[in-house]
Amino acid sequence: MTTSLFAVQEAVYGALMSSAVLQALIGSPARVYDVVPPSSLFPYVTLGDVVIKQFDTKDQTGFEQMLTLHVWSRYRGRKELKQITQTIYDVLHHAALTVTGANYVSCQFLAASTAQENDGLTLHGILRYRIVVQH
């Protein structure tokens, strides 16, 4: 069984890292992390959890991945958080991602939310995407 789990993560990471608009908002090179380095500067984006569901057609096996991305900001107010969230939407929604080892089908935005963390300083954006691949 191959779910293309890491290949999808690489495709999403590559798309985010190559966005000049995102780099202008979160730094160049873009601060997009799987694991956040110690003393990382704000704002940044982290790759979050994935839920995978399998579906099959008559002649192919398919997987839909529900990917969660997190945006972290300490800007006073929500402007920066919303700009980064909008930019990620622009980069990923209906993007033509290249997924190694699979037939890429689609990437669709599902939902987003924002919240203030308990420290009273950090704003947290959560974005969810549905990415479909077939083998």
Protein backbone atom coordinates (compact mmCIF):
# COMPACT_ATOMS: atom_id res chain seq x y z
CA MET A 1 0.00 0.00 0.00
CA THR A 2 1.27 3.45 -0.86
CA THR A 3 -0.65 6.49 0.30
CA SER A 4 1.78 9.11 -1.07
CA LEU A 5 1.65 10.69 2.38
CA PHE A 6 5.17 12.12 2.35
CA ALA A 7 5.03 12.97 -1.38
CA VAL A 8 1.94 15.13 -0.75
CA GLN A 9 3.68 16.85 2.16
CA GLU A 10 6.69 17.56 -0.09
CA ALA A 11 4.42 18.99 -2.80
CA VAL A 12 2.61 21.29 -0.35
CA TYR A 13 5.90 22.36 1.25
CA GLY A 14 7.41 23.10 -2.17
CA ALA A 15 4.42 25.19 -3.23
CA LEU A 16 4.51 27.23 -0.03
CA MET A 17 8.29 27.70 -0.11
CA SER A 18 8.23 28.93 -3.71
CA SER A 19 5.61 31.63 -3.12
CA ALA A 20 7.22 35.09 -3.26
CA VAL A 21 4.10 36.60 -1.67
CA LEU A 22 4.29 34.19 1.27
CA GLN A 23 8.02 34.89 1.63
CA ALA A 24 7.26 38.60 1.85
CA LEU A 25 4.92 37.87 4.77
CA ILE A 26 6.84 35.24 6.75
CA GLY A 27 10.46 35.65 5.68
CA SER A 28 12.79 34.49 2.95
CA PRO A 29 13.31 31.63 2.80
CA ALA A 30 9.76 31.12 3.96
CA ARG A 31 9.50 29.91 7.53
CA VAL A 32 7.48 26.76 6.83
CA TYR A 33 8.32 23.97 9.26
CA ASP A 34 7.58 20.35 10.00
CA VAL A 35 9.43 20.83 13.29
CA VAL A 36 9.87 24.39 14.54
CA PRO A 37 13.51 25.24 15.30
CA PRO A 38 14.28 26.66 18.75
CA SER A 39 14.01 30.44 18.92
CA SER A 40 12.19 30.65 15.58
CA LEU A 41 11.00 34.09 14.59
CA PHE A 42 7.29 34.85 14.19
CA PRO A 43 5.33 34.59 11.96
CA TYR A 44 5.71 31.06 10.65
CA VAL A 45 3.70 28.14 9.26
CA THR A 46 3.77 24.54 10.46
CA LEU A 47 2.68 21.38 8.69
CA GLY A 48 0.15 19.64 10.89
CA ASP A 49 -1.74 16.39 11.16
CA VAL A 50 -3.13 14.45 8.21
CA VAL A 51 -6.16 12.19 8.05
CA ILE A 52 -6.18 9.74 5.13
CA LYS A 53 -9.20 8.03 3.62
CA GLN A 54 -8.93 5.44 0.89
CA PHE A 55 -11.31 5.18 -2.02
CA ASP A 56 -11.08 2.89 -5.01
CA THR A 57 -12.38 3.10 -8.53
CA LYS A 58 -12.70 0.16 -10.89
CA ASP A 59 -9.06 0.39 -11.95
CA GLN A 60 -7.29 2.67 -9.47
CA THR A 61 -6.70 3.11 -5.77
CA GLY A 62 -7.21 6.62 -4.50
CA PHE A 63 -6.46 8.48 -1.30
CA GLU A 64 -7.82 11.71 0.02
CA GLN A 65 -5.70 13.44 2.59
CA MET A 66 -7.14 16.03 4.94
CA LEU A 67 -4.09 18.16 5.69
CA THR A 68 -3.95 20.70 8.50
CA LEU A 69 -1.66 23.73 8.35
CA HIS A 70 -1.01 26.09 11.25
CA VAL A 71 -0.11 29.78 11.08
CA TRP A 72 1.55 31.39 14.11
CA SER A 73 1.76 35.15 14.58
CA ARG A 74 2.51 37.65 17.34
CA TYR A 75 1.46 40.71 15.36
CA ARG A 76 -0.81 43.01 17.36
CA GLY A 77 -4.17 42.46 15.77
CA ARG A 78 -5.26 39.82 13.28
CA LYS A 79 -4.19 41.52 10.05
CA GLU A 80 -0.95 39.55 9.61
CA LEU A 81 -2.61 36.24 10.43
CA LYS A 82 -5.39 36.87 7.91
CA GLN A 83 -2.94 37.99 5.20
CA ILE A 84 -0.89 34.81 5.63
CA THR A 85 -4.02 32.66 5.66
CA GLN A 86 -5.27 34.32 2.45
CA THR A 87 -1.90 33.84 0.78
CA ILE A 88 -1.80 30.14 1.66
CA TYR A 89 -5.31 29.82 0.23
CA ASP A 90 -4.15 31.54 -2.98
CA VAL A 91 -1.15 29.20 -3.24
CA LEU A 92 -2.91 25.89 -2.53
CA HIS A 93 -6.59 26.04 -3.48
CA HIS A 94 -6.92 24.32 -6.88
CA ALA A 95 -3.13 24.36 -7.21
CA ALA A 96 -1.40 22.18 -9.79
CA LEU A 97 0.79 20.29 -7.31
CA THR A 98 3.39 17.79 -8.44
CA VAL A 99 3.13 14.66 -6.29
CA THR A 100 5.93 12.19 -6.93
CA GLY A 101 4.75 8.61 -7.45
CA ALA A 102 1.04 9.40 -7.75
CA ASN A 103 -1.50 10.89 -10.10
CA TYR A 104 -2.43 14.19 -8.49
CA VAL A 105 -6.15 14.95 -8.73
CA SER A 106 -6.93 18.04 -6.67
CA CYS A 107 -6.26 20.29 -3.70
CA GLN A 108 -9.27 22.03 -2.20
CA PHE A 109 -9.61 24.39 0.73
CA LEU A 110 -12.02 23.04 3.35
CA ALA A 111 -12.03 25.42 6.31
CA ALA A 112 -10.07 27.90 8.40
CA SER A 113 -10.26 29.24 11.92
CA THR A 114 -8.30 31.66 14.08
CA ALA A 115 -7.82 31.88 17.82
CA GLN A 116 -5.69 33.58 20.41
CA GLU A 117 -3.43 31.27 22.43
CA ASN A 118 -3.54 31.26 26.24
CA ASP A 119 -0.31 33.30 26.44
CA GLY A 120 -2.30 36.34 25.26
CA LEU A 121 0.38 37.12 22.65
CA THR A 122 0.24 34.41 20.01
CA LEU A 123 -2.43 34.18 17.33
CA HIS A 124 -3.05 30.77 15.77
CA GLY A 125 -4.62 30.12 12.39
CA ILE A 126 -5.72 26.64 11.37
CA LEU A 127 -6.32 25.76 7.71
CA ARG A 128 -7.63 22.47 6.36
CA TYR A 129 -7.22 21.16 2.82
CA ARG A 130 -8.41 18.06 0.99
CA ILE A 131 -5.78 16.65 -1.36
CA VAL A 132 -6.68 13.73 -3.64
CA VAL A 133 -4.22 11.38 -5.37
CA GLN A 134 -4.64 8.13 -7.27
CA HIS A 135 -2.32 5.18 -7.99
